[in-house]
Amino acid sequence: MRYSEKKKRSKKERVGFFTALSICVIAVGMAAYSTYTSLTGVFDNDDNATLAVNNIVTGVTETEKPTTAPPETTESVTEPRETETEDDYEEETAPKETKSAIETMVTVNSSLAYPLDKRKVIKEYSEDTVYNKTLNQWQAHTGVDFACDEGDNVYSMGDGEVKRIYKDDILGKTIVVKAPTYTAYYSGMSENVKVEKGSVVKAGDVLATAGSVPGESLDGKHIHIAVKVKGQYTDPLSLISNDE
């Protein structure tokens, strides 16, 4: 009986031992699994943190300074004007004071001839403002208007050289003749010009035929003659010989 009881007790003890051992193994396994999961989570978090940091670092790129392309340089081409004015040609610097008629004649030292066969003046030289019917304004009249018919010959009033030929909006076709002591402007010429720039002319040579003066058209057919002495307008009639 004792042997049988002892045998039964030994069998139960072995079963209990293996059961306890199994429980320990399971517990150890669960503990190991739990530890592994925790460590994995830590590593995952570290990887995510590292990835986030990397994303921040790698996402920042050095800002390149904008390269401003140099502006294209284009050569400035000045187009020649179709129209000019008497003031575009200056003989010399104008004196501060106006010379008298006698002083002007002495300076010029020459007697000019009439520019037309007709010798009728329809508007005289005036430094004071006078009314311009065509332009409906008051202004100085810095020349003399000589009556003529369209197509009449216009003569050079003295010896000189043709410096310019141009078209003015107000005074029409203009020929500039420069003499040693003065410069004469013949305005209101037609397109029938007999000279060219650089031509040397003598008193009485035909410069052109009469045309029209657009800015003085209501004053009747005429040409407009202006004279400058040392860059200042002078009364042309003060230079024309009374014998002419």
Protein backbone atom coordinates (compact mmCIF):
# COMPACT_ATOMS: atom_id res chain seq x y z
CA MET A 1 0.00 0.00 0.00
CA ARG A 2 2.74 2.36 0.83
CA TYR A 3 4.52 1.68 -2.43
CA SER A 4 1.36 2.27 -4.40
CA GLU A 5 0.61 5.50 -2.59
CA LYS A 6 4.19 6.62 -3.04
CA LYS A 7 3.99 5.85 -6.77
CA LYS A 8 0.76 7.81 -7.15
CA ARG A 9 2.24 10.76 -5.22
CA SER A 10 5.36 10.75 -7.40
CA LYS A 11 3.26 10.81 -10.54
CA LYS A 12 1.22 13.78 -9.28
CA GLU A 13 4.39 15.60 -8.33
CA ARG A 14 5.81 15.17 -11.82
CA VAL A 15 2.58 16.43 -13.39
CA GLY A 16 2.61 19.41 -11.07
CA PHE A 17 6.25 20.07 -11.82
CA PHE A 18 5.74 20.04 -15.58
CA THR A 19 2.60 22.18 -15.24
CA ALA A 20 4.51 24.74 -13.20
CA LEU A 21 7.37 24.59 -15.65
CA SER A 22 4.98 25.17 -18.56
CA ILE A 23 3.44 28.10 -16.76
CA CYS A 24 6.90 29.57 -16.16
CA VAL A 25 7.87 29.09 -19.77
CA ILE A 26 4.65 30.76 -20.91
CA ALA A 27 5.20 33.60 -18.45
CA VAL A 28 8.77 34.06 -19.57
CA GLY A 29 7.62 34.02 -23.21
CA MET A 30 4.92 36.57 -22.55
CA ALA A 31 7.38 38.74 -20.66
CA ALA A 32 9.88 38.44 -23.48
CA TYR A 33 7.19 39.29 -26.03
CA SER A 34 6.04 42.27 -24.01
CA THR A 35 9.61 43.51 -23.69
CA TYR A 36 10.20 43.04 -27.41
CA THR A 37 6.99 44.93 -28.24
CA SER A 38 7.98 47.79 -25.98
CA LEU A 39 11.45 47.99 -27.45
CA THR A 40 10.05 47.81 -30.95
CA GLY A 41 7.73 50.70 -30.15
CA VAL A 42 10.63 52.71 -28.82
CA PHE A 43 12.69 52.00 -31.89
CA ASP A 44 9.73 52.77 -34.12
CA ASN A 45 9.25 56.06 -32.33
CA ASP A 46 12.93 56.82 -32.67
CA ASP A 47 12.79 55.98 -36.36
CA ASN A 48 9.77 58.21 -36.78
CA ALA A 49 11.47 60.96 -34.86
CA THR A 50 14.61 60.51 -36.92
CA LEU A 51 12.52 60.51 -40.08
CA ALA A 52 10.73 63.64 -38.98
CA VAL A 53 14.02 65.32 -38.19
CA ASN A 54 15.44 64.20 -41.49
CA ASN A 55 12.39 65.49 -43.27
CA ILE A 56 12.83 68.86 -41.61
CA VAL A 57 16.51 69.00 -42.31
CA THR A 58 16.33 67.71 -45.83
CA GLY A 59 13.26 69.83 -46.56
CA VAL A 60 15.17 73.04 -45.91
CA THR A 61 16.99 74.03 -49.04
CA GLU A 62 19.34 76.95 -49.38
CA THR A 63 17.52 79.85 -50.94
CA GLU A 64 19.28 80.78 -54.12
CA LYS A 65 19.68 84.44 -54.71
CA PRO A 66 17.49 85.40 -57.64
CA THR A 67 19.60 86.07 -60.62
CA THR A 68 18.45 89.32 -62.16
CA ALA A 69 19.10 89.25 -65.83
CA PRO A 70 20.76 92.46 -66.98
CA PRO A 71 18.35 94.64 -68.91
CA GLU A 72 18.70 94.33 -72.59
CA THR A 73 20.54 97.29 -73.93
CA THR A 74 19.18 98.71 -77.06
CA GLU A 75 20.84 101.43 -78.95
CA SER A 76 18.94 104.62 -78.80
CA VAL A 77 18.15 105.65 -82.30
CA THR A 78 17.11 109.25 -82.62
CA GLU A 79 14.74 109.60 -85.51
CA PRO A 80 15.22 112.75 -87.52
CA ARG A 81 12.35 115.13 -87.09
CA GLU A 82 10.35 115.93 -90.15
CA THR A 83 9.82 119.47 -88.98
CA GLU A 84 12.15 121.93 -87.32
CA THR A 85 12.05 125.56 -86.34
CA GLU A 86 14.20 128.59 -86.86
CA ASP A 87 15.53 128.17 -83.33
CA ASP A 88 17.01 124.77 -84.23
CA TYR A 89 19.83 126.67 -85.92
CA GLU A 90 21.73 129.16 -83.80
CA GLU A 91 24.43 131.26 -85.43
CA GLU A 92 26.05 132.44 -82.18
CA THR A 93 25.09 133.13 -78.60
CA ALA A 94 22.56 135.93 -78.56
CA PRO A 95 23.77 139.18 -76.97
CA LYS A 96 22.01 140.35 -73.83
CA GLU A 97 20.92 143.66 -75.33
CA THR A 98 19.18 144.39 -78.61
CA LYS A 99 21.29 146.31 -81.08
CA SER A 100 19.85 149.40 -82.72
CA ALA A 101 19.28 149.43 -86.47
CA ILE A 102 22.43 151.54 -87.05
CA GLU A 103 24.57 149.23 -84.87
CA THR A 104 23.19 146.26 -86.77
CA MET A 105 24.03 147.76 -90.15
CA VAL A 106 27.57 148.51 -88.99
CA THR A 107 27.93 144.94 -87.67
CA VAL A 108 26.62 143.37 -90.85
CA ASN A 109 28.55 145.82 -93.03
CA SER A 110 26.39 144.90 -95.99
CA SER A 111 23.27 146.09 -97.77
CA LEU A 112 20.81 143.34 -98.53
CA ALA A 113 18.60 143.15 -101.59
CA TYR A 114 14.85 142.51 -101.68
CA PRO A 115 14.01 138.78 -101.84
CA LEU A 116 11.25 139.29 -104.45
CA ASP A 117 10.61 141.33 -107.54
CA LYS A 118 7.64 142.80 -105.69
CA ARG A 119 8.54 145.05 -102.77
CA LYS A 120 5.29 145.06 -100.85
CA VAL A 121 5.45 144.41 -97.10
CA ILE A 122 2.24 143.10 -95.51
CA LYS A 123 3.55 142.63 -91.95
CA GLU A 124 6.63 144.23 -90.46
CA TYR A 125 9.09 142.97 -87.87
CA SER A 126 7.91 143.42 -84.26
CA GLU A 127 9.49 142.40 -80.96
CA ASP A 128 6.21 143.35 -79.29
CA THR A 129 3.38 140.83 -79.49
CA VAL A 130 1.01 141.21 -82.42
CA TYR A 131 -2.16 139.28 -83.21
CA ASN A 132 -1.89 136.24 -85.46
CA LYS A 133 -5.27 135.68 -87.08
CA THR A 134 -4.44 132.19 -88.31
CA LEU A 135 -3.23 130.86 -84.96
CA ASN A 136 -5.60 133.12 -82.98
CA GLN A 137 -2.89 134.19 -80.59
CA TRP A 138 -0.61 137.09 -79.71
CA GLN A 139 3.08 136.68 -80.39
CA ALA A 140 6.19 138.56 -81.48
CA HIS A 141 6.69 138.74 -85.23
CA THR A 142 10.41 138.10 -85.65
CA GLY A 143 10.50 138.55 -89.40
CA VAL A 144 9.03 140.50 -92.30
CA ASP A 145 6.24 139.22 -94.55
CA PHE A 146 6.65 140.12 -98.22
CA ALA A 147 3.58 139.82 -100.46
CA CYS A 148 3.92 137.56 -103.49
CA ASP A 149 2.12 135.18 -105.79
CA GLU A 150 2.60 131.47 -105.56
CA GLY A 151 5.42 130.44 -107.89
CA ASP A 152 7.27 133.80 -107.79
CA ASN A 153 11.06 133.52 -107.69
CA VAL A 154 12.66 134.07 -104.29
CA TYR A 155 16.18 135.56 -104.45
CA SER A 156 19.07 135.42 -102.03
CA MET A 157 19.39 138.83 -100.36
CA GLY A 158 23.18 138.53 -100.12
CA ASP A 159 26.18 136.25 -100.54
CA GLY A 160 26.41 133.17 -98.36
CA GLU A 161 26.23 129.41 -98.02
CA VAL A 162 23.11 127.28 -97.74
CA LYS A 163 23.33 125.67 -94.32
CA ARG A 164 19.98 123.95 -93.99
CA ILE A 165 16.75 123.23 -95.84
CA TYR A 166 13.85 122.02 -93.71
CA LYS A 167 10.09 122.10 -93.30
CA ASP A 168 8.50 123.98 -90.40
CA ASP A 169 4.90 123.35 -89.28
CA ILE A 170 4.21 127.06 -88.88
CA LEU A 171 6.48 128.77 -91.41
CA GLY A 172 6.61 126.10 -94.11
CA LYS A 173 9.61 125.16 -96.23
CA THR A 174 12.63 127.11 -95.00
CA ILE A 175 16.08 127.73 -96.49
CA VAL A 176 18.88 128.94 -94.21
CA VAL A 177 21.67 130.98 -95.82
CA LYS A 178 24.63 131.95 -93.65
CA ALA A 179 26.81 134.95 -94.46
CA PRO A 180 29.94 135.95 -92.53
CA THR A 181 28.05 138.44 -90.33
CA TYR A 182 24.41 137.26 -90.34
CA THR A 183 22.09 134.35 -91.09
CA ALA A 184 18.95 134.69 -93.21
CA TYR A 185 15.87 132.45 -93.05
CA TYR A 186 13.65 132.26 -96.14
CA SER A 187 10.33 130.65 -95.15
CA GLY A 188 7.23 129.87 -97.18
CA MET A 189 9.12 128.26 -100.05
CA SER A 190 7.56 125.72 -102.37
CA GLU A 191 9.00 122.28 -103.04
CA ASN A 192 10.63 123.78 -106.13
CA VAL A 193 13.96 124.47 -104.39
CA LYS A 194 16.84 125.49 -106.66
CA VAL A 195 19.70 125.00 -104.16
CA GLU A 196 20.87 122.32 -101.76
CA LYS A 197 22.73 122.19 -98.49
CA GLY A 198 26.28 123.43 -99.03
CA SER A 199 25.45 125.53 -102.08
CA VAL A 200 27.31 128.86 -102.27
CA VAL A 201 25.02 131.63 -103.47
CA LYS A 202 25.38 135.25 -104.51
CA ALA A 203 22.94 138.10 -104.01
CA GLY A 204 20.20 137.76 -106.61
CA ASP A 205 20.53 133.99 -107.10
CA VAL A 206 17.20 132.15 -107.15
CA LEU A 207 16.78 130.00 -104.06
CA ALA A 208 13.30 128.61 -104.75
CA THR A 209 9.81 129.63 -105.82
CA ALA A 210 7.25 130.98 -103.36
CA GLY A 211 4.88 128.58 -101.68
CA SER A 212 2.88 129.29 -98.52
CA VAL A 213 3.26 130.03 -94.80
CA PRO A 214 0.81 127.67 -92.99
CA GLY A 215 0.83 129.58 -89.70
CA GLU A 216 0.04 132.89 -91.41
CA SER A 217 -2.27 131.72 -94.18
CA LEU A 218 -5.03 134.26 -93.35
CA ASP A 219 -2.62 137.12 -94.07
CA GLY A 220 -2.62 136.36 -97.79
CA LYS A 221 0.09 134.95 -100.05
CA HIS A 222 3.55 135.91 -98.83
CA ILE A 223 6.98 134.69 -97.78
CA HIS A 224 8.42 135.18 -94.30
CA ILE A 225 11.99 136.49 -94.06
CA ALA A 226 13.93 136.47 -90.78
CA VAL A 227 17.52 137.56 -90.10
CA LYS A 228 19.73 136.81 -87.13
CA VAL A 229 22.87 138.75 -86.22
CA LYS A 230 25.01 136.95 -83.62
CA GLY A 231 22.10 134.67 -82.82
CA GLN A 232 19.55 137.44 -82.26
CA TYR A 233 16.61 138.31 -84.49
CA THR A 234 16.99 141.62 -86.31
CA ASP A 235 14.63 143.62 -88.50
CA PRO A 236 15.46 142.56 -92.09
CA LEU A 237 14.24 145.93 -93.43
CA SER A 238 17.00 147.66 -91.47
CA LEU A 239 19.53 145.79 -93.61
CA ILE A 240 17.93 146.31 -97.02
CA SER A 241 19.38 149.16 -99.08
CA ASN A 242 17.01 152.02 -99.75
CA ASP A 243 18.20 152.02 -103.34
CA GLU A 244 16.75 148.59 -103.87
